[in-house]
């Protein structure tokens, strides 16, 4: 990668994912050996009761650069809690030149970051993992194209039971995909967004973009990533969606 990118910060929001987050930490340790970047891990715990926090604590000696944030320690607001709040807390303390967040259960494995990183060398500010595209798609202001693509996906789910944009997700079930694709269509119509997969929990940002966007974030839970993209559009950040592989869910 470009020499100006030296550190990758990985934010992991977690609540009651003890088994999954243990595998995630192990995967990060192994994949870090293959990266040209130094890795910083920021674990944010949402008052877990299943031992997730204890699992994270046990990895502090195994992961060189690791920070652990407890929900009760969040200084954002006492009433600001949820996945969005956890991601924001991690982003605001991250020091990496590239900063990303991923799900604690590795629904998208850390190795998929290899597909996102090259686009930062191409000048992109935000690189989004996408489950609903089979090729890289730069963000566009073409609401017409985005509308028809989203509408097509909704009809595909109704007819086939899954979106043909990514047949690997058909095991999720018709209803779950209909909610996902229907929600994406609403975002296109109401917010004028042109993304195929706003809700994928695998996104990376330059340090400058992350600090600007997450400092202005107000939604603590559902919809925080959509809010971030709305703000990013106003600031004219360069964004691209990149296809990723996910484990079966």
Protein backbone atom coordinates (compact mmCIF):
# COMPACT_ATOMS: atom_id res chain seq x y z
CA UNK A 1 0.00 0.00 0.00
CA UNK A 2 0.86 3.67 -0.24
CA UNK A 3 3.42 4.60 2.43
CA UNK A 4 1.06 7.17 3.91
CA UNK A 5 -1.06 4.27 5.20
CA UNK A 6 0.78 2.58 8.04
CA UNK A 7 -1.82 1.58 10.63
CA UNK A 8 -5.19 -0.17 10.28
CA UNK A 9 -7.64 0.29 13.16
CA UNK A 10 -10.28 -2.43 13.54
CA UNK A 11 -13.30 -1.49 15.66
CA UNK A 12 -15.32 -4.42 17.00
CA UNK A 13 -18.66 -3.58 18.68
CA UNK A 14 -19.81 -6.54 20.74
CA UNK A 15 -22.63 -7.63 23.00
CA UNK A 16 -22.93 -11.26 24.10
CA UNK A 17 -20.84 -12.78 21.32
CA UNK A 18 -18.25 -14.61 23.44
CA UNK A 19 -17.79 -17.59 21.13
CA UNK A 20 -17.82 -15.59 17.92
CA UNK A 21 -15.52 -12.81 19.09
CA UNK A 22 -12.91 -15.32 20.25
CA UNK A 23 -12.69 -16.67 16.69
CA UNK A 24 -12.62 -13.11 15.37
CA UNK A 25 -9.63 -12.23 17.55
CA UNK A 26 -7.81 -15.38 16.43
CA UNK A 27 -8.53 -14.60 12.77
CA UNK A 28 -7.24 -11.04 13.21
CA UNK A 29 -4.03 -12.31 14.81
CA UNK A 30 -3.40 -14.70 11.93
CA UNK A 31 -4.35 -12.32 9.13
CA UNK A 32 -2.34 -9.47 10.61
CA UNK A 33 0.79 -11.44 9.75
CA UNK A 34 -0.10 -11.12 6.05
CA UNK A 35 -0.79 -7.38 6.07
CA UNK A 36 1.75 -4.65 5.33
CA UNK A 37 -0.04 -2.46 7.87
CA UNK A 38 0.33 -2.43 11.63
CA UNK A 39 -2.98 -3.41 13.23
CA UNK A 40 -4.79 -1.71 16.11
CA UNK A 41 -7.83 -3.48 17.59
CA UNK A 42 -10.50 -1.56 19.49
CA UNK A 43 -13.08 -3.73 21.24
CA UNK A 44 -16.21 -1.93 22.49
CA UNK A 45 -18.36 -3.96 24.87
CA UNK A 46 -22.09 -3.33 25.23
CA UNK A 47 -22.53 -4.59 28.80
CA UNK A 48 -22.16 -8.25 27.80
CA UNK A 49 -23.30 -10.87 30.31
CA UNK A 50 -21.96 -14.00 28.59
CA UNK A 51 -18.24 -13.50 29.18
CA UNK A 52 -17.49 -11.58 25.98
CA UNK A 53 -15.63 -8.89 27.91
CA UNK A 54 -13.55 -11.51 29.72
CA UNK A 55 -12.65 -13.07 26.36
CA UNK A 56 -11.50 -9.68 25.11
CA UNK A 57 -9.45 -9.09 28.25
CA UNK A 58 -7.70 -12.42 27.71
CA UNK A 59 -6.40 -11.23 24.31
CA UNK A 60 -4.71 -8.06 25.55
CA UNK A 61 -1.43 -9.92 25.82
CA UNK A 62 -1.86 -11.61 22.43
CA UNK A 63 -2.71 -8.51 20.41
CA UNK A 64 0.02 -5.87 20.62
CA UNK A 65 -2.13 -2.80 20.04
CA UNK A 66 -5.49 -3.42 21.67
CA UNK A 67 -7.91 -1.11 23.46
CA UNK A 68 -11.02 -2.18 25.37
CA UNK A 69 -13.90 0.22 25.94
CA UNK A 70 -16.75 -0.60 28.33
CA UNK A 71 -20.19 0.81 27.55
CA UNK A 72 -20.36 2.50 30.95
CA UNK A 73 -17.12 4.30 30.12
CA UNK A 74 -18.48 5.94 27.00
CA UNK A 75 -18.22 9.69 27.34
CA UNK A 76 -20.43 10.48 24.36
CA UNK A 77 -23.69 10.55 26.32
CA UNK A 78 -25.14 8.43 29.14
CA UNK A 79 -28.18 7.67 26.97
CA UNK A 80 -26.22 7.03 23.78
CA UNK A 81 -25.97 3.25 23.48
CA UNK A 82 -26.26 0.62 20.76
CA UNK A 83 -24.12 -0.60 17.90
CA UNK A 84 -23.89 2.86 16.38
CA UNK A 85 -22.70 4.32 19.67
CA UNK A 86 -20.12 1.55 20.03
CA UNK A 87 -18.75 2.10 16.53
CA UNK A 88 -18.60 5.87 17.11
CA UNK A 89 -16.75 5.39 20.40
CA UNK A 90 -14.19 3.18 18.68
CA UNK A 91 -13.72 5.52 15.74
CA UNK A 92 -13.17 8.53 17.99
CA UNK A 93 -10.25 6.89 19.81
CA UNK A 94 -8.78 5.05 16.80
CA UNK A 95 -5.37 6.22 15.58
CA UNK A 96 -5.09 4.27 12.32
CA UNK A 97 -4.57 5.85 8.92
CA UNK A 98 -7.40 3.55 7.81
CA UNK A 99 -10.23 2.81 10.24
CA UNK A 100 -12.81 0.07 9.81
CA UNK A 101 -15.49 -1.71 11.77
CA UNK A 102 -16.62 -5.32 11.57
CA UNK A 103 -19.12 -7.55 13.33
CA UNK A 104 -17.95 -9.43 16.43
CA UNK A 105 -19.04 -12.78 15.00
CA UNK A 106 -17.05 -12.27 11.77
CA UNK A 107 -20.14 -12.49 9.59
CA UNK A 108 -17.67 -10.96 7.15
CA UNK A 109 -14.20 -12.46 7.86
CA UNK A 110 -11.29 -10.09 8.39
CA UNK A 111 -9.49 -11.53 5.36
CA UNK A 112 -12.01 -9.66 3.18
CA UNK A 113 -10.20 -6.43 4.10
CA UNK A 114 -7.69 -7.40 1.41
CA UNK A 115 -10.36 -6.56 -1.17
CA UNK A 116 -11.01 -3.11 0.30
CA UNK A 117 -7.52 -1.80 1.02
CA UNK A 118 -6.32 -1.30 -2.60
CA UNK A 119 -9.01 1.31 -3.20
CA UNK A 120 -7.48 3.69 -0.67
CA UNK A 121 -4.41 3.86 -2.90
CA UNK A 122 -6.81 4.90 -5.69
CA UNK A 123 -7.98 7.91 -3.72
CA UNK A 124 -11.21 6.67 -2.16
CA UNK A 125 -12.18 8.02 1.26
CA UNK A 126 -14.72 5.30 2.11
CA UNK A 127 -14.64 1.69 0.93
CA UNK A 128 -17.76 -0.33 1.70
CA UNK A 129 -18.05 -4.08 1.69
CA UNK A 130 -21.14 -5.09 -0.25
CA UNK A 131 -23.16 -8.31 -0.28
CA UNK A 132 -25.27 -7.20 -3.23
CA UNK A 133 -22.86 -6.50 -6.02
CA UNK A 134 -20.53 -8.71 -8.03
CA UNK A 135 -18.18 -5.91 -9.10
CA UNK A 136 -16.80 -2.69 -7.58
CA UNK A 137 -19.29 0.16 -7.94
CA UNK A 138 -18.25 3.78 -7.30
CA UNK A 139 -20.96 5.83 -5.61
CA UNK A 140 -23.01 7.70 -8.14
CA UNK A 141 -25.49 10.54 -8.03
CA UNK A 142 -27.67 8.71 -10.53
CA UNK A 143 -30.88 8.27 -8.55
CA UNK A 144 -32.53 6.77 -11.64
CA UNK A 145 -29.99 3.94 -11.91
CA UNK A 146 -30.08 3.30 -8.16
CA UNK A 147 -33.90 3.22 -8.11
CA UNK A 148 -34.25 0.66 -10.88
CA UNK A 149 -31.47 -1.52 -9.49
CA UNK A 150 -33.09 -1.53 -6.03
CA UNK A 151 -36.56 -2.16 -7.45
CA UNK A 152 -35.21 -5.07 -9.50
CA UNK A 153 -33.73 -6.64 -6.37
CA UNK A 154 -37.06 -6.43 -4.53
CA UNK A 155 -38.84 -8.22 -7.38
CA UNK A 156 -36.09 -10.86 -7.53
CA UNK A 157 -36.59 -11.65 -3.85
CA UNK A 158 -40.35 -11.91 -4.36
CA UNK A 159 -39.99 -14.16 -7.41
CA UNK A 160 -36.88 -16.24 -6.65
CA UNK A 161 -36.59 -15.93 -2.88
CA UNK A 162 -33.27 -14.11 -3.04
CA UNK A 163 -31.60 -11.26 -4.89
CA UNK A 164 -29.65 -12.43 -7.91
CA UNK A 165 -27.09 -9.75 -7.11
CA UNK A 166 -25.76 -12.17 -4.53
CA UNK A 167 -27.17 -15.67 -4.62
CA UNK A 168 -24.90 -16.73 -1.74
CA UNK A 169 -27.30 -14.99 0.63
CA UNK A 170 -30.36 -17.01 -0.37
CA UNK A 171 -30.05 -19.09 2.81
CA UNK A 172 -31.11 -16.02 4.77
CA UNK A 173 -34.69 -16.59 3.73
CA UNK A 174 -37.13 -14.66 1.60
CA UNK A 175 -38.53 -12.44 4.38
CA UNK A 176 -35.14 -11.35 5.69
CA UNK A 177 -33.91 -10.47 2.22
CA UNK A 178 -37.18 -8.72 1.38
CA UNK A 179 -36.75 -6.51 4.45
CA UNK A 180 -33.14 -5.80 3.43
CA UNK A 181 -33.85 -5.02 -0.21
CA UNK A 182 -37.08 -3.18 0.57
CA UNK A 183 -35.26 -1.06 3.13
CA UNK A 184 -32.55 -0.26 0.60
CA UNK A 185 -35.20 0.85 -1.90
CA UNK A 186 -36.67 3.19 0.70
CA UNK A 187 -33.22 4.71 1.35
CA UNK A 188 -32.87 5.33 -2.39
CA UNK A 189 -36.27 7.00 -2.70
CA UNK A 190 -36.29 8.99 0.55
CA UNK A 191 -32.61 9.84 0.99
CA UNK A 192 -31.47 9.84 -2.61
CA UNK A 193 -28.73 7.31 -1.88
CA UNK A 194 -27.31 5.15 -4.63
CA UNK A 195 -25.74 2.31 -2.64
CA UNK A 196 -26.55 -1.37 -3.05
CA UNK A 197 -25.82 -2.36 0.55
CA UNK A 198 -25.84 0.38 3.19
CA UNK A 199 -26.22 -2.03 6.11
CA UNK A 200 -23.22 -4.30 5.58
CA UNK A 201 -21.16 -4.26 8.79
CA UNK A 202 -17.81 -4.13 7.04
CA UNK A 203 -16.75 -0.61 6.08
CA UNK A 204 -13.43 1.23 6.07
CA UNK A 205 -12.56 4.94 6.09
CA UNK A 206 -9.53 7.15 5.86
CA UNK A 207 -8.62 8.67 9.20
CA UNK A 208 -9.73 12.13 8.07
CA UNK A 209 -13.11 10.90 6.82
CA UNK A 210 -13.73 8.84 9.96
CA UNK A 211 -13.00 11.70 12.33
CA UNK A 212 -15.19 14.12 10.39
CA UNK A 213 -18.15 11.78 9.92
CA UNK A 214 -18.34 10.01 13.26
CA UNK A 215 -17.90 13.24 15.18
CA UNK A 216 -21.20 14.37 13.63
CA UNK A 217 -23.03 11.05 14.07
CA UNK A 218 -26.20 11.30 16.18
CA UNK A 219 -27.94 7.91 15.77
CA UNK A 220 -26.84 5.35 18.38
CA UNK A 221 -28.37 2.19 16.96
CA UNK A 222 -30.28 1.18 13.85
CA UNK A 223 -29.55 3.39 10.85
CA UNK A 224 -26.26 4.89 12.03
CA UNK A 225 -24.40 3.71 8.93
CA UNK A 226 -27.05 5.28 6.69
CA UNK A 227 -26.67 8.56 8.58
CA UNK A 228 -22.91 8.43 8.07
CA UNK A 229 -23.38 7.97 4.32
CA UNK A 230 -25.83 10.88 4.15
CA UNK A 231 -23.24 13.12 5.81
CA UNK A 232 -20.48 11.72 3.57
CA UNK A 233 -22.50 12.64 0.50
CA UNK A 234 -22.79 16.25 1.71
CA UNK A 235 -19.02 16.41 2.16
CA UNK A 236 -18.43 14.89 -1.29
CA UNK A 237 -16.30 12.03 -0.01
CA UNK A 238 -15.22 9.57 -2.67
CA UNK A 239 -16.97 6.24 -1.99
CA UNK A 240 -16.93 2.81 -3.59
CA UNK A 241 -18.73 -0.47 -2.86
CA UNK A 242 -16.64 -3.63 -3.21
CA UNK A 243 -18.06 -7.18 -3.35
CA UNK A 244 -17.15 -9.36 -0.38
CA UNK A 245 -17.70 -12.98 0.62
CA UNK A 246 -19.59 -13.78 3.80
CA UNK A 247 -19.82 -16.94 5.81
CA UNK A 248 -23.22 -18.68 5.74
CA UNK A 249 -25.69 -17.11 8.15
